[in-house]
Amino acid sequence: MRNVLYIGVFQRYVDPLKKTPSTVQLCGEEDLSDFRWYKGTVREFMLFHCDIVVKGTEPGKNVSIPQDSQGEIYNFHVYSRSEGVSAVMIARASYPELVAHNLLRKLLDQFLTKYPAKTFSQSELAGKAFSFPELKEYIIKYQDPNQADSISKVQTELNETTQVLHKTIEQVLERGEKIDSLVQKSDSLSSQSKMFYTQAKKQNSCCSVM
């Protein structure tokens, strides 16, 4: 079984048409080999939830949010920077959260060195390819959290001072929003994924797709 399903970098921005907060994936890498039959649906819901948790994480914060996927708990680990750029890791609940957040900090440092810290313009977000092949190394090498020992040892002081906030998906939604309503209104989810979500909810009210 894979410990890390996804690692990616997102930019928060205000949608010029809807005038509402939104996000865009700047780069991402996934390993969905554990999901043989419905990888596309899992992929859509991963990005759907990433949009929610990135928008709901304040700059400078480390947040971990559990989500049930067919009876398996995965954590959405998020680290957000003041530039509006955030890194996300989706990992099994057994993956050490401090290791995850140390990796996300290192990842954003590398990304913002390559693409200097700023708020990316709409034209850049729409047309620029943010090539970051280092993500492939991250998701392969750090499936085993023990491979991150060197990072953890170097950042012992950070481990002692970093506060990881634990929230639920409902706590990062805007007041009054409901996840079921967002699923049905989402433009990023296909009709097949929405149907899959509805069926999963009926079969087991405690579980969702991702």
Protein backbone atom coordinates (compact mmCIF):
# COMPACT_ATOMS: atom_id res chain seq x y z
CA MET A 1 0.00 0.00 0.00
CA ARG A 2 1.14 3.53 -0.78
CA ASN A 3 1.64 5.93 2.12
CA VAL A 4 1.56 9.13 0.05
CA LEU A 5 -1.13 9.59 -2.60
CA TYR A 6 -0.41 13.14 -3.68
CA ILE A 7 1.93 16.12 -3.29
CA GLY A 8 1.25 19.46 -4.95
CA VAL A 9 1.61 23.24 -4.90
CA PHE A 10 -1.36 25.60 -5.17
CA GLN A 11 -1.90 29.33 -5.61
CA ARG A 12 -4.83 31.14 -4.01
CA TYR A 13 -6.41 33.96 -6.01
CA VAL A 14 -9.69 35.79 -6.51
CA ASP A 15 -11.70 34.60 -9.49
CA PRO A 16 -12.09 37.71 -11.71
CA LEU A 17 -15.54 36.66 -12.93
CA LYS A 18 -17.15 35.24 -9.81
CA LYS A 19 -15.25 37.60 -7.45
CA THR A 20 -14.76 34.70 -5.05
CA PRO A 21 -11.64 33.03 -3.58
CA SER A 22 -10.33 30.18 -5.69
CA THR A 23 -7.20 28.07 -6.16
CA VAL A 24 -5.18 26.65 -9.02
CA GLN A 25 -2.74 23.75 -8.97
CA LEU A 26 0.69 24.99 -10.05
CA CYS A 27 2.24 21.52 -10.05
CA GLY A 28 1.38 18.12 -8.65
CA GLU A 29 2.41 14.47 -8.53
CA GLU A 30 0.25 11.49 -7.58
CA ASP A 31 0.47 7.77 -6.92
CA LEU A 32 -2.97 6.17 -7.17
CA SER A 33 -1.79 2.62 -7.78
CA ASP A 34 -3.93 1.42 -4.83
CA PHE A 35 -7.07 2.54 -6.66
CA ARG A 36 -7.41 0.22 -9.63
CA TRP A 37 -10.94 0.82 -10.82
CA TYR A 38 -11.74 4.45 -10.09
CA LYS A 39 -8.53 6.45 -10.30
CA GLY A 40 -10.22 9.24 -12.24
CA THR A 41 -12.87 9.77 -9.56
CA VAL A 42 -10.28 9.69 -6.75
CA ARG A 43 -8.14 12.20 -8.67
CA GLU A 44 -11.08 14.58 -9.10
CA PHE A 45 -12.03 14.41 -5.44
CA MET A 46 -8.43 14.86 -4.29
CA LEU A 47 -8.20 18.15 -6.19
CA PHE A 48 -11.73 19.11 -5.11
CA HIS A 49 -10.77 18.74 -1.45
CA CYS A 50 -7.37 20.38 -2.00
CA ASP A 51 -9.22 23.47 -3.23
CA ILE A 52 -11.30 23.50 -0.03
CA VAL A 53 -8.43 22.99 2.42
CA VAL A 54 -6.08 25.45 0.71
CA LYS A 55 -8.75 28.18 0.74
CA GLY A 56 -9.43 27.40 4.40
CA THR A 57 -5.79 27.51 5.61
CA GLU A 58 -4.47 30.85 6.84
CA PRO A 59 -1.02 32.00 5.63
CA GLY A 60 1.79 30.78 7.86
CA LYS A 61 -0.26 27.90 9.26
CA ASN A 62 0.33 24.14 9.25
CA VAL A 63 -2.96 22.25 9.12
CA SER A 64 -3.82 18.54 9.04
CA ILE A 65 -7.33 17.49 8.04
CA PRO A 66 -8.51 13.86 8.08
CA GLN A 67 -10.80 12.57 5.35
CA ASP A 68 -12.46 9.17 5.04
CA SER A 69 -12.11 7.34 1.73
CA GLN A 70 -14.10 4.12 1.67
CA GLY A 71 -13.22 3.34 5.29
CA GLU A 72 -9.54 4.37 5.01
CA ILE A 73 -8.44 7.59 6.71
CA TYR A 74 -6.13 9.95 4.82
CA ASN A 75 -4.76 13.24 6.09
CA PHE A 76 -4.60 16.39 4.00
CA HIS A 77 -1.46 18.12 5.30
CA VAL A 78 -1.30 21.78 4.24
CA TYR A 79 1.38 24.42 4.68
CA SER A 80 0.46 27.91 3.49
CA ARG A 81 2.81 30.83 2.83
CA SER A 82 2.06 34.55 2.97
CA GLU A 83 2.62 34.81 -0.80
CA GLY A 84 -0.62 32.90 -1.32
CA VAL A 85 1.22 29.70 -2.26
CA SER A 86 0.46 26.46 -0.40
CA ALA A 87 1.83 22.92 -0.46
CA VAL A 88 -0.42 19.90 0.12
CA MET A 89 0.37 16.28 0.89
CA ILE A 90 -2.30 13.57 1.04
CA ALA A 91 -1.04 10.65 3.10
CA ARG A 92 -2.33 7.75 5.14
CA ALA A 93 -3.21 8.57 8.74
CA SER A 94 -0.20 6.54 9.93
CA TYR A 95 2.24 8.88 8.16
CA PRO A 96 3.94 11.12 10.81
CA GLU A 97 2.45 14.59 10.51
CA LEU A 98 5.63 16.45 11.53
CA VAL A 99 7.55 14.62 8.81
CA ALA A 100 4.84 15.61 6.32
CA HIS A 101 4.95 19.28 7.34
CA ASN A 102 8.75 19.40 7.28
CA LEU A 103 8.66 18.02 3.75
CA LEU A 104 6.05 20.59 2.70
CA ARG A 105 8.21 23.43 4.05
CA LYS A 106 11.24 22.12 2.19
CA LEU A 107 9.14 21.69 -0.94
CA LEU A 108 7.84 25.27 -0.89
CA ASP A 109 11.33 26.64 -0.23
CA GLN A 110 12.56 24.81 -3.35
CA PHE A 111 9.56 25.84 -5.45
CA LEU A 112 9.76 29.52 -4.51
CA THR A 113 13.51 29.53 -5.17
CA LYS A 114 12.79 28.35 -8.70
CA TYR A 115 9.73 30.59 -9.08
CA PRO A 116 10.50 33.63 -6.89
CA ALA A 117 7.96 34.48 -4.23
CA LYS A 118 5.09 36.60 -5.46
CA THR A 119 1.40 36.40 -6.24
CA PHE A 120 1.21 35.00 -9.75
CA SER A 121 -0.80 37.02 -12.26
CA GLN A 122 -3.93 35.69 -13.98
CA SER A 123 -2.06 35.37 -17.27
CA GLU A 124 0.68 33.32 -15.61
CA LEU A 125 -1.83 31.07 -13.87
CA ALA A 126 -3.69 30.51 -17.14
CA GLY A 127 -0.81 29.92 -19.49
CA LYS A 128 2.46 29.17 -17.70
CA ALA A 129 3.75 25.65 -17.14
CA PHE A 130 5.26 25.38 -13.67
CA SER A 131 7.71 22.58 -14.28
CA PHE A 132 8.88 21.07 -11.00
CA PRO A 133 10.24 17.53 -11.56
CA GLU A 134 11.47 17.39 -7.95
CA LEU A 135 7.93 16.35 -7.00
CA LYS A 136 8.45 12.98 -8.66
CA GLU A 137 11.44 12.36 -6.39
CA TYR A 138 9.44 13.45 -3.36
CA ILE A 139 6.51 11.11 -3.91
CA ILE A 140 8.80 8.14 -4.66
CA LYS A 141 11.48 8.64 -2.01
CA TYR A 142 9.24 9.75 0.83
CA GLN A 143 6.69 6.96 0.61
CA ASP A 144 8.87 5.71 3.46
CA PRO A 145 8.83 8.43 6.15
CA ASN A 146 12.13 7.07 7.48
CA GLN A 147 13.78 8.52 4.37
CA ALA A 148 12.97 11.95 5.76
CA ASP A 149 15.04 11.35 8.90
CA SER A 150 17.78 13.69 7.70
CA ILE A 151 15.26 16.48 7.26
CA SER A 152 13.75 15.83 10.67
CA LYS A 153 17.17 15.81 12.37
CA VAL A 154 18.19 19.08 10.74
CA GLN A 155 14.87 20.63 11.72
CA THR A 156 14.66 19.42 15.31
CA GLU A 157 14.12 22.96 16.51
CA LEU A 158 11.35 23.44 13.97
CA ASN A 159 9.68 20.25 15.19
CA GLU A 160 9.61 21.65 18.70
CA THR A 161 8.12 24.99 17.71
CA THR A 162 5.82 24.10 14.82
CA GLN A 163 2.18 24.00 15.78
CA VAL A 164 0.03 21.77 13.61
CA LEU A 165 -3.64 22.66 13.69
CA HIS A 166 -6.08 19.78 13.49
CA LYS A 167 -9.33 20.57 11.74
CA THR A 168 -12.17 18.76 10.01
CA ILE A 169 -13.28 19.43 6.45
CA GLU A 170 -16.37 21.16 7.85
CA GLN A 171 -14.22 23.58 9.86
CA VAL A 172 -12.38 24.85 6.78
CA LEU A 173 -15.56 25.43 4.78
CA GLU A 174 -16.92 28.95 4.67
CA ARG A 175 -19.71 29.51 7.15
CA GLY A 176 -22.95 28.01 5.97
CA GLU A 177 -21.37 25.86 3.25
CA LYS A 178 -22.10 22.14 3.09
CA ILE A 179 -19.82 19.61 1.43
CA ASP A 180 -22.76 17.84 -0.29
CA SER A 181 -23.89 21.12 -1.84
CA LEU A 182 -20.36 21.97 -3.01
CA VAL A 183 -20.03 18.56 -4.66
CA GLN A 184 -23.22 19.08 -6.66
CA LYS A 185 -22.27 22.64 -7.69
CA SER A 186 -18.65 21.84 -8.54
CA ASP A 187 -17.49 22.37 -12.12
CA SER A 188 -14.37 20.29 -11.49
CA LEU A 189 -16.24 17.06 -10.75
CA SER A 190 -17.68 14.98 -13.57
CA SER A 191 -21.25 13.72 -13.44
CA GLN A 192 -19.84 10.21 -12.95
CA SER A 193 -17.89 11.33 -9.87
CA LYS A 194 -20.93 13.11 -8.44
CA MET A 195 -22.99 9.95 -8.91
CA PHE A 196 -20.24 7.86 -7.29
CA TYR A 197 -20.23 10.25 -4.31
CA THR A 198 -24.01 10.04 -3.92
CA GLN A 199 -23.96 6.24 -4.04
CA ALA A 200 -21.13 6.07 -1.50
CA LYS A 201 -23.05 8.33 0.87
CA LYS A 202 -26.12 6.09 0.61
CA GLN A 203 -24.14 2.91 1.22
CA ASN A 204 -22.29 4.24 4.23
CA SER A 205 -23.16 7.61 5.71
CA CYS A 206 -19.80 7.88 7.49
CA CYS A 207 -17.73 7.52 4.36
CA SER A 208 -17.06 9.62 1.28
CA VAL A 209 -14.98 9.14 -1.85
CA MET A 210 -12.02 11.17 -0.58
